[in-house]
Amino acid sequence: MPEHIETVVVGGGQAGLAVSYFLTERGRDHVVLERGLVGNTWRTERWDGFVLNTPNLAQLLPGAEYDGDAPEAFAPLAEVIECLEGYARSFRAPVREHVNVRALRRAGERYTLEIDGAELEADNVVVATGAFQQPRPRLSGTDAAPVELQLTTSEYRRPEQLPGGAVLVVGAGQSGCQIADELLNTGRAVFLAAGSCAWLPRRYRGRDIVDWLLELGLMDEPVDSLPSPAARLACNPPVSGNDGGHDCHPRWLAGRGATVVGRLLGVDGAVARFAPGIEETLAAADAFVDEITSGIDRYVAEADIDAPEAEEQDRGPSPIVDTPALDLHEHGIATILWATGFRPDYGWIELPLADELGWPIQRDGVTEHPGLYVVGVNWLRKRKSALFCGVGEDASLVVSHLVARS
């Protein structure tokens, strides 16, 4: 007979552990299933030089809020993993590691989870498998591009992994810009194909930008405030936690030597083709920065906060190349790094769950299937829902609903 457990949490990252924290606090029977070790995605899908781009002050896991003496410092990858391991130990989270859930299906009033060589039965299942699970599809025809290597940001580990030569980074979101910065530091020639992603300054008026976003409530913007469901796919504005934290966007990278071009349209033979109007695209991103900083200025004035005067944003020098095409051979481009983002993947759940964009259909983490919940999804309830500063709030609501249902 399958082992029966009241609640199974699938995923041992920040979201799954936050759910486990509240279930443990309520004394509820549960297990957390993790396909690898605790924080598996952080271990297997981040590059070696990764540094968290939200400061320590935003580490707000329930029962483990940051109280150290470096609130505006940034945790390197090893510290992020250590944080999650320590968090699981702190309340003895019942994590079962190296358990791969292959399928989830409804079985009468309960759920059946198919794992390696066995089955589990559960009254409730909380899916906490991460904000995204699969890379966006590459552009049609680009697989035949005459380069030595193509890989996604989840496959990239270090510059030495790449063959010699220049790198075309496709996508100027958080990962694309940070990896481009790392490659530039090693002397690589970098071509950055930038889309419509906006950016933020790392610091403004004496404080980290994330500190301001939290205080102004911008991290609490609800999903209903988005102009359309497709806006959930928009990239997160890039900043960097490396070297104590700094700006990291196309204009800044161009000033450091990157060749910034427009959005990649495709590759025809050895010729990569790009959308025109890169300067207009970057100007729109500049306008986003102005909107955010003006909002901070108004808040400072209205709340009479003692803050340094507003500093002018550095937007140059910016040698942007508005070119329709580049010959990959002529420019020595040997690698294409795909930084075009990821999408959810719930194909292993044998129930109607996802919408046409792949997002789980839910309200406050509660799905239409009794006892089935999701946590840790990008824009689950708010802008911060998938972050260390937001998963706890959503996990608390889900566990309260689960307990009331039981």
Protein backbone atom coordinates (compact mmCIF):
# COMPACT_ATOMS: atom_id res chain seq x y z
CA MET A 1 0.00 0.00 0.00
CA PRO A 2 1.24 3.54 -0.70
CA GLU A 3 2.55 5.48 2.29
CA HIS A 4 -0.05 8.03 3.39
CA ILE A 5 1.02 11.51 4.52
CA GLU A 6 -1.39 14.31 5.34
CA THR A 7 0.52 16.95 3.33
CA VAL A 8 3.29 16.61 0.77
CA VAL A 9 5.32 19.68 -0.20
CA VAL A 10 7.07 19.26 -3.55
CA GLY A 11 10.26 21.33 -3.61
CA GLY A 12 12.87 22.11 -0.97
CA GLY A 13 13.79 25.68 -1.89
CA GLN A 14 12.81 28.87 -0.10
CA ALA A 15 9.09 28.48 -0.88
CA GLY A 16 8.80 24.82 0.11
CA LEU A 17 10.75 25.38 3.32
CA ALA A 18 8.57 28.38 4.23
CA VAL A 19 5.49 26.17 3.85
CA SER A 20 7.16 23.51 5.99
CA TYR A 21 7.92 26.12 8.66
CA PHE A 22 4.25 27.01 9.07
CA LEU A 23 3.10 23.38 8.90
CA THR A 24 5.64 22.52 11.60
CA GLU A 25 4.44 25.47 13.68
CA ARG A 26 0.88 24.12 13.41
CA GLY A 27 1.98 20.58 14.26
CA ARG A 28 0.79 19.15 10.95
CA ASP A 29 2.03 15.86 9.52
CA HIS A 30 3.97 16.55 6.32
CA VAL A 31 7.10 15.86 4.27
CA VAL A 32 9.09 17.99 1.85
CA LEU A 33 10.26 16.15 -1.25
CA GLU A 34 13.37 17.49 -2.97
CA ARG A 35 14.76 15.96 -6.16
CA GLY A 36 18.33 16.77 -5.08
CA LEU A 37 19.64 18.42 -1.93
CA VAL A 38 17.92 21.29 -0.13
CA GLY A 39 17.98 24.30 -2.45
CA ASN A 40 18.64 22.08 -5.46
CA THR A 41 17.89 24.72 -8.09
CA TRP A 42 20.38 27.10 -6.48
CA ARG A 43 23.00 24.34 -6.57
CA THR A 44 22.44 23.12 -10.12
CA GLU A 45 21.12 26.06 -12.16
CA ARG A 46 23.33 28.98 -11.10
CA TRP A 47 26.82 29.89 -12.24
CA ASP A 48 29.79 29.68 -9.88
CA GLY A 49 30.21 33.46 -9.56
CA PHE A 50 26.51 34.09 -8.85
CA VAL A 51 25.75 36.63 -6.13
CA LEU A 52 22.22 37.32 -4.92
CA ASN A 53 21.11 40.70 -6.27
CA THR A 54 18.78 41.46 -3.38
CA PRO A 55 20.58 42.61 -0.21
CA ASN A 56 20.57 40.78 3.09
CA LEU A 57 17.87 43.10 4.44
CA ALA A 58 15.44 41.37 2.05
CA GLN A 59 16.14 37.92 3.54
CA LEU A 60 12.77 37.56 5.25
CA LEU A 61 12.14 33.84 5.53
CA PRO A 62 9.58 33.27 8.33
CA GLY A 63 11.31 32.74 11.65
CA ALA A 64 14.71 33.56 10.14
CA GLU A 65 14.56 37.23 9.21
CA TYR A 66 18.00 38.77 8.75
CA ASP A 67 19.32 40.50 11.87
CA GLY A 68 23.04 40.67 11.12
CA ASP A 69 25.34 43.65 10.87
CA ALA A 70 25.56 43.81 7.06
CA PRO A 71 22.00 44.47 5.85
CA GLU A 72 23.13 45.99 2.54
CA ALA A 73 25.66 43.26 1.70
CA PHE A 74 24.92 40.58 -0.90
CA ALA A 75 25.17 36.83 -0.38
CA PRO A 76 27.29 34.78 -2.81
CA LEU A 77 25.89 31.47 -4.00
CA ALA A 78 27.55 29.39 -1.26
CA GLU A 79 25.95 31.57 1.43
CA VAL A 80 22.51 31.29 -0.20
CA ILE A 81 22.77 27.50 -0.10
CA GLU A 82 24.11 27.58 3.47
CA CYS A 83 21.20 29.83 4.46
CA LEU A 84 18.64 27.36 3.12
CA GLU A 85 20.38 24.39 4.74
CA GLY A 86 20.52 26.19 8.08
CA TYR A 87 16.89 27.25 7.77
CA ALA A 88 15.78 23.64 7.23
CA ARG A 89 17.79 22.52 10.26
CA SER A 90 16.47 25.32 12.47
CA PHE A 91 12.99 23.80 12.73
CA ARG A 92 13.90 20.24 11.70
CA ALA A 93 12.07 20.40 8.41
CA PRO A 94 11.09 16.84 7.37
CA VAL A 95 12.91 16.96 4.05
CA ARG A 96 13.42 13.82 2.00
CA GLU A 97 16.25 14.50 -0.41
CA HIS A 98 16.93 12.81 -3.75
CA VAL A 99 13.23 12.07 -4.27
CA ASN A 100 12.04 12.87 -7.78
CA VAL A 101 8.28 13.33 -8.17
CA ARG A 102 7.46 12.06 -11.64
CA ALA A 103 3.69 12.49 -11.61
CA LEU A 104 0.85 13.86 -9.51
CA ARG A 105 -2.70 12.68 -10.04
CA ARG A 106 -6.03 12.73 -8.26
CA ALA A 107 -7.14 9.47 -6.64
CA GLY A 108 -10.63 9.83 -5.18
CA GLU A 109 -10.47 12.29 -2.30
CA ARG A 110 -6.68 12.13 -2.15
CA TYR A 111 -3.65 12.66 -4.36
CA THR A 112 -1.17 10.09 -5.57
CA LEU A 113 2.44 11.11 -6.14
CA GLU A 114 4.54 8.83 -8.29
CA ILE A 115 8.14 8.86 -7.11
CA ASP A 116 11.12 6.71 -8.02
CA GLY A 117 10.01 3.14 -7.49
CA ALA A 118 7.06 3.92 -5.21
CA GLU A 119 3.94 5.98 -4.60
CA LEU A 120 2.81 8.33 -1.88
CA GLU A 121 -0.74 9.24 -0.94
CA ALA A 122 -1.61 12.69 0.40
CA ASP A 123 -4.68 14.64 1.45
CA ASN A 124 -2.95 17.88 0.45
CA VAL A 125 -0.14 18.74 -1.95
CA VAL A 126 1.73 22.04 -2.04
CA VAL A 127 3.66 22.56 -5.28
CA ALA A 128 6.75 24.66 -4.57
CA THR A 129 8.96 23.73 -7.49
CA GLY A 130 10.24 27.23 -8.20
CA ALA A 131 9.22 30.28 -10.16
CA PHE A 132 10.31 28.82 -13.50
CA GLN A 133 11.30 25.37 -14.69
CA GLN A 134 12.11 25.46 -18.41
CA PRO A 135 13.92 27.88 -20.74
CA ARG A 136 11.90 29.77 -23.28
CA PRO A 137 12.16 28.18 -26.74
CA ARG A 138 15.04 29.43 -28.85
CA LEU A 139 14.30 31.36 -32.00
CA SER A 140 13.44 29.16 -34.95
CA GLY A 141 16.48 28.28 -37.04
CA THR A 142 19.10 29.40 -34.51
CA ASP A 143 20.08 25.82 -33.63
CA ALA A 144 21.95 25.72 -36.94
CA ALA A 145 23.97 28.88 -36.18
CA PRO A 146 27.66 28.25 -37.01
CA VAL A 147 29.04 28.61 -33.48
CA GLU A 148 30.87 26.12 -31.29
CA LEU A 149 28.49 26.26 -28.32
CA GLN A 150 24.96 27.35 -27.45
CA LEU A 151 23.72 27.18 -23.86
CA THR A 152 21.22 28.76 -21.47
CA THR A 153 22.00 30.68 -18.31
CA SER A 154 21.01 27.63 -16.24
CA GLU A 155 23.71 25.62 -18.05
CA TYR A 156 26.43 28.27 -17.78
CA ARG A 157 28.90 27.83 -14.91
CA ARG A 158 32.07 29.85 -15.58
CA PRO A 159 33.92 31.66 -18.41
CA GLU A 160 36.41 28.80 -18.79
CA GLN A 161 33.53 26.53 -19.77
CA LEU A 162 33.17 28.41 -23.05
CA PRO A 163 35.33 27.98 -26.15
CA GLY A 164 37.69 30.80 -27.02
CA GLY A 165 36.28 33.75 -28.89
CA ALA A 166 33.52 36.30 -28.48
CA VAL A 167 30.14 35.63 -26.86
CA LEU A 168 26.72 36.75 -28.05
CA VAL A 169 24.49 37.11 -24.97
CA VAL A 170 20.84 37.08 -26.03
CA GLY A 171 18.77 38.91 -23.43
CA ALA A 172 19.56 41.81 -21.12
CA GLY A 173 17.68 40.84 -18.00
CA GLN A 174 19.27 40.01 -14.65
CA SER A 175 21.17 36.87 -15.65
CA GLY A 176 22.19 38.12 -19.10
CA CYS A 177 23.65 41.36 -17.78
CA GLN A 178 25.42 39.76 -14.82
CA ILE A 179 27.02 37.04 -16.95
CA ALA A 180 28.00 39.62 -19.57
CA ASP A 181 29.73 41.57 -16.77
CA GLU A 182 31.57 38.43 -15.64
CA LEU A 183 32.73 37.70 -19.18
CA LEU A 184 33.94 41.27 -19.68
CA ASN A 185 35.99 40.93 -16.49
CA THR A 186 37.91 38.07 -18.11
CA GLY A 187 38.68 40.09 -21.23
CA ARG A 188 36.08 38.42 -23.43
CA ALA A 189 34.51 40.31 -26.32
CA VAL A 190 30.79 40.46 -25.53
CA PHE A 191 27.86 41.27 -27.82
CA LEU A 192 24.67 41.91 -25.87
CA ALA A 193 21.35 41.64 -27.72
CA ALA A 194 19.00 43.75 -25.60
CA GLY A 195 15.23 43.55 -25.68
CA SER A 196 12.73 45.69 -23.81
CA CYS A 197 13.89 44.94 -20.26
CA ALA A 198 14.02 48.03 -18.05
CA TRP A 199 16.57 48.45 -15.27
CA LEU A 200 17.10 50.07 -11.88
CA PRO A 201 19.98 51.89 -10.20
CA ARG A 202 21.70 49.83 -7.54
CA ARG A 203 21.60 52.65 -5.02
CA TYR A 204 19.71 55.92 -4.82
CA ARG A 205 19.78 58.67 -2.25
CA GLY A 206 21.99 56.74 0.14
CA ARG A 207 20.09 53.45 0.18
CA ASP A 208 19.89 50.25 -1.81
CA ILE A 209 17.10 50.32 -4.38
CA VAL A 210 15.48 47.17 -2.93
CA ASP A 211 15.27 48.89 0.46
CA TRP A 212 13.35 51.73 -1.21
CA LEU A 213 11.10 49.34 -3.13
CA LEU A 214 10.16 47.53 0.07
CA GLU A 215 9.50 50.75 1.99
CA LEU A 216 7.41 52.28 -0.79
CA GLY A 217 5.34 49.12 -1.09
CA LEU A 218 6.33 48.49 -4.70
CA MET A 219 7.24 44.91 -3.87
CA ASP A 220 3.66 44.50 -2.65
CA GLU A 221 2.10 45.45 -5.96
CA PRO A 222 -0.65 42.84 -6.56
CA VAL A 223 -0.87 40.67 -9.64
CA ASP A 224 -4.17 42.36 -10.48
CA SER A 225 -2.25 45.60 -11.08
CA LEU A 226 -0.53 44.13 -14.15
CA PRO A 227 -1.82 45.37 -17.51
CA SER A 228 -2.29 41.82 -18.78
CA PRO A 229 -1.56 38.21 -17.74
CA ALA A 230 1.30 38.18 -20.25
CA ALA A 231 3.06 40.87 -18.17
CA ARG A 232 4.01 38.11 -15.71
CA LEU A 233 6.59 37.08 -18.31
CA ALA A 234 8.31 40.48 -18.25
CA CYS A 235 11.91 40.36 -17.06
CA ASN A 236 13.00 41.62 -13.67
CA PRO A 237 15.02 44.88 -13.90
CA PRO A 238 18.71 43.98 -13.67
CA VAL A 239 21.05 45.09 -10.92
CA SER A 240 24.10 43.28 -9.54
CA GLY A 241 25.19 42.18 -6.08
CA ASN A 242 28.76 41.51 -7.24
CA ASP A 243 31.65 43.50 -5.77
CA GLY A 244 29.44 45.01 -3.07
CA GLY A 245 26.64 45.83 -5.51
CA HIS A 246 26.60 48.03 -8.60
CA ASP A 247 24.55 48.99 -11.63
CA CYS A 248 24.39 46.35 -14.35
CA HIS A 249 22.45 47.23 -17.47
CA PRO A 250 23.12 47.64 -21.22
CA ARG A 251 24.31 51.25 -21.05
CA TRP A 252 26.61 50.45 -18.12
CA LEU A 253 27.95 47.36 -19.89
CA ALA A 254 28.49 49.31 -23.12
CA GLY A 255 30.61 51.74 -21.15
CA ARG A 256 32.74 48.79 -20.04
CA GLY A 257 33.28 47.53 -23.57
CA ALA A 258 30.27 45.40 -24.50
CA THR A 259 28.78 45.86 -27.96
CA VAL A 260 25.07 46.41 -27.36
CA VAL A 261 22.73 45.65 -30.25
CA GLY A 262 18.98 45.27 -30.65
CA ARG A 263 16.75 42.29 -29.99
CA LEU A 264 17.88 39.19 -31.88
CA LEU A 265 15.49 38.37 -34.73
CA GLY A 266 17.25 35.27 -36.01
CA VAL A 267 20.36 33.84 -37.63
CA ASP A 268 20.60 33.45 -41.39
CA GLY A 269 23.65 31.37 -42.26
CA ALA A 270 26.47 33.10 -40.39
CA VAL A 271 24.60 36.41 -40.09
CA ALA A 272 22.75 37.34 -36.90
CA ARG A 273 19.96 39.85 -37.52
CA PHE A 274 18.69 42.36 -34.96
CA ALA A 275 15.66 44.58 -34.51
CA PRO A 276 16.24 48.29 -35.21
CA GLY A 277 15.73 51.10 -32.73
CA ILE A 278 17.99 50.05 -29.85
CA GLU A 279 18.43 53.67 -28.72
CA GLU A 280 14.65 54.09 -28.47
CA THR A 281 14.47 50.86 -26.47
CA LEU A 282 17.11 52.07 -24.04
CA ALA A 283 15.47 55.48 -23.79
CA ALA A 284 12.28 53.75 -22.62
CA ALA A 285 14.33 51.99 -19.94
CA ASP A 286 15.80 55.36 -18.90
CA ALA A 287 12.24 56.67 -18.52
CA PHE A 288 11.43 53.74 -16.21
CA VAL A 289 14.40 54.68 -14.01
CA ASP A 290 13.19 58.28 -13.92
CA GLU A 291 9.70 57.15 -12.91
CA ILE A 292 11.01 55.05 -10.01
CA THR A 293 13.47 57.65 -8.75
CA SER A 294 10.89 60.44 -9.00
CA GLY A 295 8.55 58.32 -6.90
CA ILE A 296 11.29 57.95 -4.28
CA ASP A 297 11.89 61.71 -4.35
CA ARG A 298 8.19 62.39 -3.72
CA TYR A 299 8.11 59.87 -0.89
CA VAL A 300 11.20 61.39 0.74
CA ALA A 301 9.68 64.87 0.56
CA GLU A 302 6.22 63.87 1.80
CA ALA A 303 7.55 61.74 4.66
CA ASP A 304 10.25 64.31 5.51
CA ILE A 305 12.95 61.64 5.43
CA ASP A 306 16.54 62.66 6.03
CA ALA A 307 18.18 61.38 2.83
CA PRO A 308 21.03 62.66 0.67
CA GLU A 309 20.11 64.82 -2.29
CA ALA A 310 19.09 63.06 -5.50
CA GLU A 311 22.08 62.13 -7.63
CA GLU A 312 22.05 62.34 -11.41
CA GLN A 313 21.93 58.91 -13.06
CA ASP A 314 25.08 58.01 -15.01
CA ARG A 315 24.02 57.09 -18.56
CA GLY A 316 27.23 57.28 -20.48
CA PRO A 317 29.47 56.84 -22.22
CA SER A 318 27.24 54.48 -24.18
CA PRO A 319 28.66 53.38 -27.55
CA ILE A 320 25.49 51.57 -28.66
CA VAL A 321 25.54 49.89 -32.08
CA ASP A 322 22.23 50.19 -33.96
CA THR A 323 23.06 47.60 -36.59
CA PRO A 324 20.68 45.32 -38.48
CA ALA A 325 23.16 42.45 -38.70
CA LEU A 326 26.48 41.01 -37.54
CA ASP A 327 28.53 38.33 -39.23
CA LEU A 328 29.31 35.76 -36.52
CA HIS A 329 32.52 34.62 -38.24
CA GLU A 330 33.78 38.14 -38.88
CA HIS A 331 33.37 39.10 -35.22
CA GLY A 332 34.77 35.84 -33.85
CA ILE A 333 31.55 34.86 -32.04
CA ALA A 334 31.98 31.26 -30.90
CA THR A 335 29.25 31.07 -28.24
CA ILE A 336 25.61 32.06 -28.04
CA LEU A 337 24.38 32.35 -24.45
CA TRP A 338 20.60 32.35 -24.22
CA ALA A 339 19.39 34.63 -21.42
CA THR A 340 15.83 34.97 -22.69
CA GLY A 341 14.13 33.80 -19.52
CA PHE A 342 12.22 30.78 -18.34
CA ARG A 343 8.62 29.63 -18.11
CA PRO A 344 6.71 27.41 -15.67
CA ASP A 345 6.37 23.71 -16.41
CA TYR A 346 3.65 21.67 -14.70
CA GLY A 347 3.48 18.89 -17.26
CA TRP A 348 4.06 16.31 -14.52
CA ILE A 349 0.75 17.25 -12.86
CA GLU A 350 -1.98 15.15 -14.46
CA LEU A 351 -4.73 17.66 -13.73
CA PRO A 352 -5.95 20.76 -15.55
CA LEU A 353 -3.88 23.37 -13.71
CA ALA A 354 -2.09 25.80 -16.05
CA ASP A 355 -3.43 28.60 -18.21
CA GLU A 356 -2.45 29.26 -21.83
CA LEU A 357 0.82 30.89 -20.69
CA GLY A 358 1.75 27.99 -18.43
CA TRP A 359 0.92 29.70 -15.13
CA PRO A 360 -1.04 27.74 -12.50
CA ILE A 361 -4.65 28.87 -12.23
CA GLN A 362 -5.05 29.83 -8.57
CA ARG A 363 -6.08 32.53 -6.15
CA ASP A 364 -3.76 33.28 -3.25
CA GLY A 365 -2.07 29.94 -3.92
CA VAL A 366 -5.32 27.96 -3.75
CA THR A 367 -6.22 26.02 -6.92
CA GLU A 368 -9.63 24.76 -8.00
CA HIS A 369 -8.60 21.25 -6.97
CA PRO A 370 -9.37 20.76 -3.24
CA GLY A 371 -6.14 20.33 -1.30
CA LEU A 372 -3.82 21.35 -4.14
CA TYR A 373 -1.80 24.53 -3.62
CA VAL A 374 1.08 26.41 -5.24
CA VAL A 375 3.69 28.66 -3.62
CA GLY A 376 6.84 30.37 -4.92
CA VAL A 377 5.39 31.28 -8.33
CA ASN A 378 6.41 34.54 -9.96
CA TRP A 379 3.55 37.03 -9.38
CA LEU A 380 1.55 34.41 -7.45
CA ARG A 381 -0.05 37.23 -5.45
CA LYS A 382 2.44 40.06 -5.55
CA ARG A 383 5.61 41.22 -7.24
CA LYS A 384 7.66 39.70 -4.40
CA SER A 385 5.93 36.29 -4.35
CA ALA A 386 8.90 34.26 -5.61
CA LEU A 387 11.56 36.11 -3.60
CA PHE A 388 13.06 35.52 -0.17
CA CYS A 389 11.10 38.56 1.02
CA GLY A 390 7.76 37.28 -0.27
CA VAL A 391 7.44 33.48 -0.05
CA GLY A 392 6.73 33.54 3.67
CA GLU A 393 3.64 35.71 3.33
CA ASP A 394 2.16 33.47 0.64
CA ALA A 395 3.12 30.28 2.50
CA SER A 396 1.33 31.51 5.63
CA LEU A 397 -1.91 32.09 3.69
CA VAL A 398 -1.74 28.70 2.00
CA VAL A 399 -1.12 26.82 5.25
CA SER A 400 -3.97 28.68 6.97
CA HIS A 401 -6.32 27.62 4.17
CA LEU A 402 -4.99 24.06 4.27
CA VAL A 403 -5.48 23.77 8.02
CA ALA A 404 -8.99 25.23 7.87
CA ARG A 405 -9.87 22.78 5.11
CA SER A 406 -8.61 19.86 7.20
